[in-house]
Amino acid sequence: MPAEDTNPLLESILSVLLKLVIWVPPVFLMISKVEKKSPVTYIRLTLPSKKDWLWITAVLCSLLVYFSLLNKITGYEIQFALNTDTWVNTFLIVGFTEEIVFRGYILNKFMERWTFWKANVLTAALFVTIHFPAWHEEGVFTDCLHFGSISLQIAVISLLLGWIYKKTSSLWPVIIIHSFYDLFTHMFL
């Protein structure tokens, strides 16, 4: 008997809901119940200031140039027709959920104990490791060069996001940049 066709939109919505339920509520509960603080204040989920928008614009322009050059070198065609899952999951949700956990909670928690750069490096190392299951599924581990380059790229973007979070004192610039970074990886690579 053939496998049933799945509805991509339904799968995308379920994936979004799962990410939102698994990632965000535990962090908010931990902050409110254990830390006894306001989650929105603790993770600095405040609206970006005018200065923050300059950071966002500068970094997004730099990323666009980087991905354009990388695309030119690799010769891949730019993908403008992205599927629903990429738009909803990758662009709208992943940056939001991952940044609440990694920069909003983990980096903040580490900075209570260590200097910013030590905390940022440790957060980046953890951030790289959460990508391992997806990379395993995609077969990234079978090619050492690809694994090394993608790990380095994720580590660098994580360090950059941590630094921007510290500079702007708001999680929104980091969420926006992360979301566009993920979108650019789907469009250009």
N, C-alpha and C. Protein backbone atom coordinates (compact mmCIF):
# COMPACT_ATOMS: atom_id res chain seq x y z
N MET A 1 0.85 -1.17 0.00
CA MET A 1 0.00 0.00 0.00
C MET A 1 0.90 1.24 0.00
N PRO A 2 0.68 2.20 -0.92
CA PRO A 2 1.53 3.39 -0.99
C PRO A 2 1.34 4.29 0.23
N ALA A 3 2.41 4.97 0.57
CA ALA A 3 2.33 5.91 1.69
C ALA A 3 1.43 7.08 1.31
N GLU A 4 0.70 7.56 2.30
CA GLU A 4 -0.21 8.68 2.06
C GLU A 4 0.61 9.95 1.82
N ASP A 5 0.11 10.77 0.92
CA ASP A 5 0.74 12.07 0.70
C ASP A 5 0.49 12.93 1.93
N THR A 6 1.49 13.67 2.31
CA THR A 6 1.33 14.56 3.45
C THR A 6 1.07 15.97 2.96
N ASN A 7 0.40 16.72 3.75
CA ASN A 7 0.10 18.10 3.43
C ASN A 7 1.25 18.97 3.94
N PRO A 8 2.04 19.57 3.04
CA PRO A 8 3.20 20.37 3.48
C PRO A 8 2.82 21.53 4.40
N LEU A 9 1.68 22.16 4.15
CA LEU A 9 1.26 23.27 5.01
C LEU A 9 0.96 22.77 6.41
N LEU A 10 0.25 21.64 6.51
CA LEU A 10 -0.07 21.06 7.81
C LEU A 10 1.20 20.65 8.54
N GLU A 11 2.13 20.03 7.83
CA GLU A 11 3.41 19.65 8.44
C GLU A 11 4.16 20.88 8.94
N SER A 12 4.14 21.94 8.16
CA SER A 12 4.82 23.17 8.55
C SER A 12 4.18 23.77 9.80
N ILE A 13 2.87 23.80 9.84
CA ILE A 13 2.16 24.36 11.00
C ILE A 13 2.45 23.52 12.24
N LEU A 14 2.42 22.20 12.11
CA LEU A 14 2.72 21.32 13.25
C LEU A 14 4.16 21.51 13.74
N SER A 15 5.07 21.66 12.81
CA SER A 15 6.47 21.88 13.16
C SER A 15 6.63 23.21 13.90
N VAL A 16 5.95 24.23 13.43
CA VAL A 16 5.99 25.54 14.08
C VAL A 16 5.45 25.45 15.50
N LEU A 17 4.30 24.83 15.64
CA LEU A 17 3.69 24.70 16.97
C LEU A 17 4.59 23.91 17.91
N LEU A 18 5.18 22.84 17.39
CA LEU A 18 6.08 22.03 18.20
C LEU A 18 7.29 22.83 18.67
N LYS A 19 7.90 23.59 17.77
CA LYS A 19 9.04 24.43 18.14
C LYS A 19 8.65 25.46 19.19
N LEU A 20 7.52 26.10 18.96
CA LEU A 20 7.09 27.12 19.92
C LEU A 20 6.80 26.54 21.30
N VAL A 21 6.21 25.35 21.34
CA VAL A 21 5.86 24.72 22.62
C VAL A 21 7.09 24.16 23.33
N ILE A 22 8.01 23.55 22.58
CA ILE A 22 9.17 22.92 23.19
C ILE A 22 10.23 23.94 23.61
N TRP A 23 10.40 25.01 22.85
CA TRP A 23 11.49 25.94 23.12
C TRP A 23 11.11 27.11 24.01
N VAL A 24 9.99 27.76 23.76
CA VAL A 24 9.70 29.02 24.43
C VAL A 24 9.12 28.86 25.84
N PRO A 25 8.04 28.09 26.06
CA PRO A 25 7.49 28.00 27.42
C PRO A 25 8.48 27.53 28.50
N PRO A 26 9.32 26.52 28.23
CA PRO A 26 10.27 26.13 29.28
C PRO A 26 11.21 27.26 29.70
N VAL A 27 11.65 28.06 28.73
CA VAL A 27 12.53 29.19 29.06
C VAL A 27 11.77 30.23 29.89
N PHE A 28 10.56 30.55 29.46
CA PHE A 28 9.76 31.52 30.20
C PHE A 28 9.43 31.01 31.61
N LEU A 29 9.13 29.73 31.74
CA LEU A 29 8.86 29.16 33.06
C LEU A 29 10.11 29.19 33.94
N MET A 30 11.24 28.83 33.37
CA MET A 30 12.50 28.84 34.12
C MET A 30 12.81 30.24 34.64
N ILE A 31 12.65 31.23 33.77
CA ILE A 31 12.96 32.60 34.17
C ILE A 31 11.97 33.09 35.23
N SER A 32 10.68 32.84 35.02
CA SER A 32 9.70 33.36 35.97
C SER A 32 9.67 32.59 37.28
N LYS A 33 9.81 31.28 37.25
CA LYS A 33 9.70 30.48 38.48
C LYS A 33 11.02 30.31 39.21
N VAL A 34 12.11 30.06 38.51
CA VAL A 34 13.40 29.82 39.15
C VAL A 34 14.15 31.14 39.38
N GLU A 35 14.24 31.95 38.34
CA GLU A 35 14.95 33.23 38.45
C GLU A 35 14.10 34.29 39.15
N LYS A 36 12.78 34.06 39.16
CA LYS A 36 11.84 35.01 39.77
C LYS A 36 11.94 36.40 39.13
N LYS A 37 12.03 36.37 37.79
CA LYS A 37 12.13 37.62 37.03
C LYS A 37 11.13 37.59 35.89
N SER A 38 10.89 38.74 35.31
CA SER A 38 10.03 38.84 34.14
C SER A 38 10.78 38.29 32.92
N PRO A 39 10.25 37.27 32.25
CA PRO A 39 10.95 36.72 31.08
C PRO A 39 11.22 37.76 30.00
N VAL A 40 10.25 38.62 29.73
CA VAL A 40 10.42 39.63 28.67
C VAL A 40 11.57 40.58 29.02
N THR A 41 11.66 40.97 30.29
CA THR A 41 12.73 41.86 30.73
C THR A 41 14.07 41.13 30.76
N TYR A 42 14.08 39.91 31.29
CA TYR A 42 15.32 39.14 31.44
C TYR A 42 15.98 38.87 30.09
N ILE A 43 15.19 38.44 29.11
CA ILE A 43 15.78 38.12 27.80
C ILE A 43 15.89 39.36 26.90
N ARG A 44 15.42 40.49 27.41
CA ARG A 44 15.49 41.78 26.70
C ARG A 44 14.71 41.75 25.39
N LEU A 45 13.49 41.31 25.51
CA LEU A 45 12.60 41.24 24.34
C LEU A 45 11.92 42.59 24.15
N THR A 46 12.76 43.64 24.12
CA THR A 46 12.27 45.00 23.95
C THR A 46 12.39 45.39 22.49
N LEU A 47 11.57 46.31 22.07
CA LEU A 47 11.59 46.74 20.67
C LEU A 47 12.92 47.39 20.33
N PRO A 48 13.40 47.17 19.11
CA PRO A 48 14.66 47.79 18.69
C PRO A 48 14.57 49.31 18.67
N SER A 49 15.64 49.96 19.07
CA SER A 49 15.71 51.42 19.00
C SER A 49 16.13 51.82 17.58
N LYS A 50 16.17 53.12 17.33
CA LYS A 50 16.63 53.60 16.02
C LYS A 50 18.06 53.16 15.76
N LYS A 51 18.90 53.22 16.80
CA LYS A 51 20.29 52.79 16.68
C LYS A 51 20.36 51.29 16.37
N ASP A 52 19.47 50.50 16.99
CA ASP A 52 19.44 49.06 16.74
C ASP A 52 19.12 48.77 15.28
N TRP A 53 18.25 49.58 14.68
CA TRP A 53 17.90 49.38 13.27
C TRP A 53 19.10 49.63 12.37
N LEU A 54 20.00 50.50 12.78
CA LEU A 54 21.24 50.70 12.03
C LEU A 54 22.10 49.44 12.06
N TRP A 55 22.19 48.83 13.25
CA TRP A 55 22.92 47.56 13.38
C TRP A 55 22.30 46.49 12.49
N ILE A 56 20.99 46.38 12.59
CA ILE A 56 20.27 45.37 11.80
C ILE A 56 20.54 45.57 10.31
N THR A 57 20.39 46.80 9.84
CA THR A 57 20.59 47.11 8.42
C THR A 57 22.03 46.83 7.99
N ALA A 58 22.99 47.26 8.80
CA ALA A 58 24.41 47.05 8.45
C ALA A 58 24.74 45.56 8.37
N VAL A 59 24.29 44.80 9.33
CA VAL A 59 24.59 43.36 9.35
C VAL A 59 23.88 42.66 8.21
N LEU A 60 22.61 43.00 7.96
CA LEU A 60 21.88 42.34 6.87
C LEU A 60 22.52 42.67 5.51
N CYS A 61 22.96 43.89 5.31
CA CYS A 61 23.64 44.25 4.06
C CYS A 61 24.95 43.47 3.93
N SER A 62 25.69 43.35 5.02
CA SER A 62 26.94 42.58 5.02
C SER A 62 26.67 41.11 4.70
N LEU A 63 25.63 40.55 5.30
CA LEU A 63 25.28 39.16 5.03
C LEU A 63 24.86 38.96 3.58
N LEU A 64 24.12 39.93 3.06
CA LEU A 64 23.69 39.84 1.66
C LEU A 64 24.90 39.86 0.72
N VAL A 65 25.87 40.69 1.01
CA VAL A 65 27.10 40.73 0.21
C VAL A 65 27.85 39.41 0.35
N TYR A 66 27.99 38.92 1.59
CA TYR A 66 28.69 37.66 1.85
C TYR A 66 28.05 36.51 1.08
N PHE A 67 26.73 36.37 1.20
CA PHE A 67 26.05 35.27 0.52
C PHE A 67 26.07 35.44 -1.00
N SER A 68 26.02 36.67 -1.48
CA SER A 68 26.10 36.90 -2.93
C SER A 68 27.47 36.48 -3.46
N LEU A 69 28.53 36.84 -2.73
CA LEU A 69 29.88 36.44 -3.14
C LEU A 69 30.05 34.92 -3.06
N LEU A 70 29.57 34.33 -1.99
CA LEU A 70 29.64 32.88 -1.83
C LEU A 70 28.88 32.18 -2.94
N ASN A 71 27.72 32.74 -3.28
CA ASN A 71 26.91 32.19 -4.36
C ASN A 71 27.63 32.29 -5.70
N LYS A 72 28.30 33.40 -5.91
CA LYS A 72 29.05 33.61 -7.16
C LYS A 72 30.19 32.59 -7.27
N ILE A 73 30.87 32.34 -6.14
CA ILE A 73 31.98 31.39 -6.11
C ILE A 73 31.49 29.96 -6.36
N THR A 74 30.39 29.59 -5.70
CA THR A 74 29.90 28.21 -5.81
C THR A 74 29.12 27.98 -7.10
N GLY A 75 28.56 29.04 -7.68
CA GLY A 75 27.82 28.91 -8.92
C GLY A 75 26.39 28.41 -8.78
N TYR A 76 25.89 28.35 -7.55
CA TYR A 76 24.50 27.93 -7.35
C TYR A 76 23.55 29.01 -7.84
N GLU A 77 22.39 28.58 -8.30
CA GLU A 77 21.36 29.54 -8.70
C GLU A 77 20.64 30.04 -7.46
N ILE A 78 20.32 31.32 -7.44
CA ILE A 78 19.57 31.88 -6.32
C ILE A 78 18.14 31.35 -6.40
N GLN A 79 17.66 30.87 -5.28
CA GLN A 79 16.32 30.30 -5.19
C GLN A 79 15.35 31.34 -4.63
N PHE A 80 14.51 31.87 -5.49
CA PHE A 80 13.52 32.84 -5.03
C PHE A 80 12.20 32.16 -4.67
N ALA A 81 11.92 31.03 -5.29
CA ALA A 81 10.67 30.30 -5.06
C ALA A 81 10.88 29.31 -3.91
N LEU A 82 10.75 29.81 -2.70
CA LEU A 82 10.92 28.97 -1.52
C LEU A 82 9.58 28.41 -1.09
N ASN A 83 9.60 27.22 -0.51
CA ASN A 83 8.35 26.59 -0.11
C ASN A 83 7.80 27.20 1.20
N THR A 84 6.59 26.84 1.52
CA THR A 84 5.91 27.37 2.70
C THR A 84 6.68 27.07 3.97
N ASP A 85 7.20 25.85 4.06
CA ASP A 85 7.94 25.45 5.26
C ASP A 85 9.15 26.35 5.48
N THR A 86 9.84 26.69 4.41
CA THR A 86 11.01 27.56 4.54
C THR A 86 10.57 28.94 5.04
N TRP A 87 9.51 29.47 4.48
CA TRP A 87 9.06 30.80 4.91
C TRP A 87 8.57 30.80 6.35
N VAL A 88 7.71 29.84 6.67
CA VAL A 88 7.11 29.84 8.01
C VAL A 88 8.10 29.36 9.06
N ASN A 89 8.65 28.19 8.84
CA ASN A 89 9.51 27.57 9.84
C ASN A 89 10.86 28.24 9.93
N THR A 90 11.57 28.27 8.83
CA THR A 90 12.94 28.75 8.83
C THR A 90 13.03 30.25 9.02
N PHE A 91 12.22 30.99 8.29
CA PHE A 91 12.33 32.45 8.35
C PHE A 91 11.63 33.05 9.56
N LEU A 92 10.42 32.62 9.86
CA LEU A 92 9.66 33.27 10.93
C LEU A 92 9.88 32.68 12.32
N ILE A 93 10.07 31.38 12.42
CA ILE A 93 10.04 30.74 13.74
C ILE A 93 11.42 30.38 14.29
N VAL A 94 12.29 29.81 13.48
CA VAL A 94 13.56 29.30 14.00
C VAL A 94 14.38 30.39 14.69
N GLY A 95 14.54 31.54 14.04
CA GLY A 95 15.30 32.63 14.66
C GLY A 95 14.70 33.06 15.98
N PHE A 96 13.39 33.15 16.02
CA PHE A 96 12.69 33.56 17.25
C PHE A 96 12.93 32.55 18.38
N THR A 97 12.66 31.29 18.11
CA THR A 97 12.76 30.28 19.17
C THR A 97 14.20 30.06 19.60
N GLU A 98 15.12 29.93 18.64
CA GLU A 98 16.51 29.67 19.01
C GLU A 98 17.12 30.85 19.75
N GLU A 99 16.78 32.07 19.37
CA GLU A 99 17.37 33.23 20.04
C GLU A 99 16.83 33.43 21.45
N ILE A 100 15.58 33.08 21.68
CA ILE A 100 15.05 33.15 23.05
C ILE A 100 15.87 32.22 23.94
N VAL A 101 16.16 31.02 23.45
CA VAL A 101 16.90 30.05 24.25
C VAL A 101 18.38 30.44 24.35
N PHE A 102 19.04 30.67 23.22
CA PHE A 102 20.49 30.80 23.23
C PHE A 102 21.00 32.17 23.65
N ARG A 103 20.57 33.23 23.03
CA ARG A 103 21.04 34.55 23.46
C ARG A 103 20.21 35.05 24.64
N GLY A 104 18.89 34.88 24.57
CA GLY A 104 18.02 35.40 25.62
C GLY A 104 18.23 34.75 26.98
N TYR A 105 18.35 33.43 27.00
CA TYR A 105 18.50 32.76 28.30
C TYR A 105 19.93 32.27 28.56
N ILE A 106 20.45 31.40 27.70
CA ILE A 106 21.74 30.77 27.99
C ILE A 106 22.87 31.79 28.07
N LEU A 107 22.98 32.68 27.09
CA LEU A 107 24.05 33.69 27.13
C LEU A 107 23.91 34.56 28.37
N ASN A 108 22.70 35.00 28.66
CA ASN A 108 22.48 35.82 29.87
C ASN A 108 22.90 35.06 31.13
N LYS A 109 22.53 33.80 31.21
CA LYS A 109 22.85 32.98 32.39
C LYS A 109 24.36 32.80 32.51
N PHE A 110 25.02 32.50 31.40
CA PHE A 110 26.48 32.33 31.42
C PHE A 110 27.18 33.63 31.81
N MET A 111 26.64 34.78 31.37
CA MET A 111 27.27 36.07 31.69
C MET A 111 27.16 36.40 33.18
N GLU A 112 26.25 35.74 33.89
CA GLU A 112 26.18 35.94 35.34
C GLU A 112 27.40 35.32 36.03
N ARG A 113 28.01 34.35 35.37
CA ARG A 113 29.13 33.61 35.96
C ARG A 113 30.49 33.95 35.33
N TRP A 114 30.51 34.22 34.02
CA TRP A 114 31.75 34.42 33.29
C TRP A 114 31.74 35.75 32.55
N THR A 115 32.89 36.10 31.99
CA THR A 115 32.98 37.30 31.16
C THR A 115 32.11 37.11 29.91
N PHE A 116 31.82 38.22 29.25
CA PHE A 116 30.98 38.13 28.06
C PHE A 116 31.57 37.19 27.03
N TRP A 117 32.87 37.34 26.71
CA TRP A 117 33.44 36.53 25.63
C TRP A 117 33.49 35.05 25.96
N LYS A 118 33.77 34.71 27.19
CA LYS A 118 33.75 33.29 27.58
C LYS A 118 32.32 32.75 27.46
N ALA A 119 31.37 33.53 27.96
CA ALA A 119 29.96 33.14 27.87
C ALA A 119 29.51 33.02 26.42
N ASN A 120 29.96 33.94 25.59
CA ASN A 120 29.57 33.95 24.17
C ASN A 120 30.17 32.74 23.44
N VAL A 121 31.42 32.39 23.73
CA VAL A 121 32.06 31.23 23.10
C VAL A 121 31.36 29.94 23.52
N LEU A 122 31.04 29.82 24.81
CA LEU A 122 30.34 28.62 25.29
C LEU A 122 28.95 28.52 24.67
N THR A 123 28.26 29.64 24.56
CA THR A 123 26.94 29.66 23.94
C THR A 123 27.05 29.26 22.47
N ALA A 124 28.06 29.76 21.78
CA ALA A 124 28.27 29.42 20.37
C ALA A 124 28.54 27.92 20.21
N ALA A 125 29.34 27.36 21.10
CA ALA A 125 29.62 25.91 21.04
C ALA A 125 28.33 25.11 21.21
N LEU A 126 27.50 25.51 22.15
CA LEU A 126 26.21 24.83 22.33
C LEU A 126 25.31 25.02 21.11
N PHE A 127 25.35 26.22 20.55
CA PHE A 127 24.53 26.53 19.39
C PHE A 127 24.92 25.65 18.19
N VAL A 128 26.21 25.44 18.01
CA VAL A 128 26.66 24.56 16.93
C VAL A 128 26.15 23.15 17.16
N THR A 129 26.23 22.67 18.40
CA THR A 129 25.84 21.28 18.67
C THR A 129 24.35 21.02 18.48
N ILE A 130 23.50 22.02 18.65
CA ILE A 130 22.06 21.75 18.43
C ILE A 130 21.75 21.49 16.97
N HIS A 131 22.68 21.82 16.10
CA HIS A 131 22.47 21.56 14.67
C HIS A 131 22.89 20.15 14.27
N PHE A 132 23.57 19.43 15.15
CA PHE A 132 24.07 18.09 14.83
C PHE A 132 22.97 17.12 14.36
N PRO A 133 21.82 17.04 15.03
CA PRO A 133 20.79 16.09 14.55
C PRO A 133 20.36 16.35 13.10
N ALA A 134 20.15 17.61 12.76
CA ALA A 134 19.76 17.94 11.37
C ALA A 134 20.89 17.62 10.42
N TRP A 135 22.13 17.93 10.82
CA TRP A 135 23.27 17.65 9.97
C TRP A 135 23.46 16.15 9.77
N HIS A 136 23.19 15.39 10.82
CA HIS A 136 23.27 13.92 10.70
C HIS A 136 22.26 13.42 9.67
N GLU A 137 21.05 13.95 9.77
CA GLU A 137 19.98 13.57 8.84
C GLU A 137 20.33 13.95 7.40
N GLU A 138 21.01 15.07 7.24
CA GLU A 138 21.39 15.56 5.91
C GLU A 138 22.69 14.93 5.40
N GLY A 139 23.36 14.13 6.24
CA GLY A 139 24.60 13.48 5.83
C GLY A 139 25.83 14.38 5.87
N VAL A 140 25.77 15.47 6.61
CA VAL A 140 26.87 16.42 6.68
C VAL A 140 28.11 15.78 7.31
N PHE A 141 27.92 14.87 8.25
CA PHE A 141 29.05 14.27 8.96
C PHE A 141 29.91 13.38 8.07
N THR A 142 29.40 12.96 6.93
CA THR A 142 30.17 12.08 6.04
C THR A 142 31.24 12.85 5.26
N ASP A 143 31.16 14.14 5.22
CA ASP A 143 32.13 14.98 4.51
C ASP A 143 32.80 15.91 5.53
N CYS A 144 34.01 15.57 5.95
CA CYS A 144 34.70 16.33 7.00
C CYS A 144 34.88 17.80 6.64
N LEU A 145 35.18 18.09 5.39
CA LEU A 145 35.39 19.47 4.97
C LEU A 145 34.08 20.27 5.09
N HIS A 146 32.99 19.67 4.61
CA HIS A 146 31.69 20.34 4.70
C HIS A 146 31.28 20.52 6.16
N PHE A 147 31.47 19.48 6.97
CA PHE A 147 31.13 19.56 8.39
C PHE A 147 31.93 20.67 9.06
N GLY A 148 33.23 20.74 8.78
CA GLY A 148 34.07 21.78 9.38
C GLY A 148 33.67 23.17 8.95
N SER A 149 33.38 23.34 7.66
CA SER A 149 33.03 24.68 7.17
C SER A 149 31.68 25.14 7.69
N ILE A 150 30.71 24.22 7.74
CA ILE A 150 29.39 24.61 8.23
C ILE A 150 29.43 24.86 9.74
N SER A 151 30.23 24.08 10.47
CA SER A 151 30.37 24.30 11.92
C SER A 151 31.00 25.65 12.19
N LEU A 152 32.03 25.98 11.43
CA LEU A 152 32.70 27.27 11.60
C LEU A 152 31.75 28.42 11.26
N GLN A 153 31.00 28.28 10.20
CA GLN A 153 30.06 29.33 9.81
C GLN A 153 29.00 29.55 10.89
N ILE A 154 28.46 28.46 11.44
CA ILE A 154 27.45 28.59 12.51
C ILE A 154 28.08 29.18 13.76
N ALA A 155 29.30 28.78 14.09
CA ALA A 155 29.97 29.33 15.27
C ALA A 155 30.20 30.83 15.11
N VAL A 156 30.64 31.25 13.93
CA VAL A 156 30.90 32.68 13.69
C VAL A 156 29.61 33.48 13.77
N ILE A 157 28.55 33.00 13.13
CA ILE A 157 27.29 33.76 13.18
C ILE A 157 26.76 33.80 14.62
N SER A 158 26.96 32.73 15.37
CA SER A 158 26.53 32.71 16.77
C SER A 158 27.30 33.73 17.60
N LEU A 159 28.61 33.79 17.41
CA LEU A 159 29.42 34.79 18.12
C LEU A 159 29.00 36.20 17.74
N LEU A 160 28.74 36.42 16.46
CA LEU A 160 28.27 37.72 15.99
C LEU A 160 26.93 38.09 16.61
N LEU A 161 26.01 37.13 16.65
CA LEU A 161 24.70 37.39 17.24
C LEU A 161 24.82 37.72 18.73
N GLY A 162 25.70 37.01 19.43
CA GLY A 162 25.92 37.31 20.84
C GLY A 162 26.46 38.71 21.04
N TRP A 163 27.40 39.10 20.19
CA TRP A 163 28.00 40.42 20.28
C TRP A 163 26.96 41.51 19.99
N ILE A 164 26.12 41.29 18.98
CA ILE A 164 25.07 42.26 18.65
C ILE A 164 24.06 42.36 19.79
N TYR A 165 23.75 41.23 20.39
CA TYR A 165 22.83 41.22 21.54
C TYR A 165 23.39 42.08 22.67
N LYS A 166 24.68 41.94 22.92
CA LYS A 166 25.32 42.74 23.98
C LYS A 166 25.31 44.22 23.61
N LYS A 167 25.62 44.53 22.35
CA LYS A 167 25.69 45.93 21.90
C LYS A 167 24.33 46.62 21.91
N THR A 168 23.29 45.90 21.50
CA THR A 168 21.97 46.53 21.36
C THR A 168 21.11 46.42 22.62
N SER A 169 21.42 45.48 23.49
CA SER A 169 20.60 45.23 24.69
C SER A 169 19.16 44.90 24.34
N SER A 170 18.96 44.29 23.18
CA SER A 170 17.61 43.88 22.76
C SER A 170 17.74 42.58 21.98
N LEU A 171 16.81 41.68 22.20
CA LEU A 171 16.84 40.40 21.50
C LEU A 171 16.29 40.52 20.07
N TRP A 172 15.46 41.52 19.81
CA TRP A 172 14.85 41.63 18.48
C TRP A 172 15.85 41.80 17.33
N PRO A 173 16.89 42.63 17.47
CA PRO A 173 17.85 42.71 16.37
C PRO A 173 18.47 41.33 16.05
N VAL A 174 18.75 40.57 17.08
CA VAL A 174 19.35 39.26 16.90
C VAL A 174 18.36 38.29 16.24
N ILE A 175 17.11 38.36 16.65
CA ILE A 175 16.07 37.51 16.04
C ILE A 175 15.92 37.85 14.56
N ILE A 176 15.87 39.13 14.24
CA ILE A 176 15.69 39.56 12.85
C ILE A 176 16.89 39.13 12.00
N ILE A 177 18.09 39.36 12.51
CA ILE A 177 19.30 38.98 11.76
C ILE A 177 19.37 37.46 11.58
N HIS A 178 19.07 36.72 12.63
CA HIS A 178 19.09 35.25 12.55
C HIS A 178 18.09 34.77 11.50
N SER A 179 16.91 35.33 11.51
CA SER A 179 15.88 34.93 10.54
C SER A 179 16.32 35.18 9.11
N PHE A 180 16.89 36.35 8.86
CA PHE A 180 17.36 36.65 7.51
C PHE A 180 18.57 35.79 7.14
N TYR A 181 19.44 35.52 8.09
CA TYR A 181 20.57 34.63 7.83
C TYR A 181 20.07 33.26 7.35
N ASP A 182 19.10 32.71 8.06
CA ASP A 182 18.53 31.42 7.66
C ASP A 182 17.87 31.51 6.28
N LEU A 183 17.16 32.58 6.02
CA LEU A 183 16.53 32.78 4.71
C LEU A 183 17.59 32.84 3.61
N PHE A 184 18.65 33.59 3.84
CA PHE A 184 19.72 33.71 2.86
C PHE A 184 20.38 32.36 2.60
N THR A 185 20.55 31.53 3.63
CA THR A 185 21.16 30.22 3.38
C THR A 185 20.29 29.37 2.46
N HIS A 186 18.98 29.51 2.57
CA HIS A 186 18.09 28.76 1.68
C HIS A 186 18.04 29.35 0.27
N MET A 187 18.19 30.65 0.18
CA MET A 187 18.13 31.29 -1.14
C MET A 187 19.44 31.14 -1.92
N PHE A 188 20.57 31.27 -1.24
CA PHE A 188 21.85 31.36 -1.92
C PHE A 188 22.67 30.08 -1.96
N LEU A 189 22.38 29.13 -1.05
CA LEU A 189 23.21 27.92 -1.00
C LEU A 189 22.42 26.67 -1.31
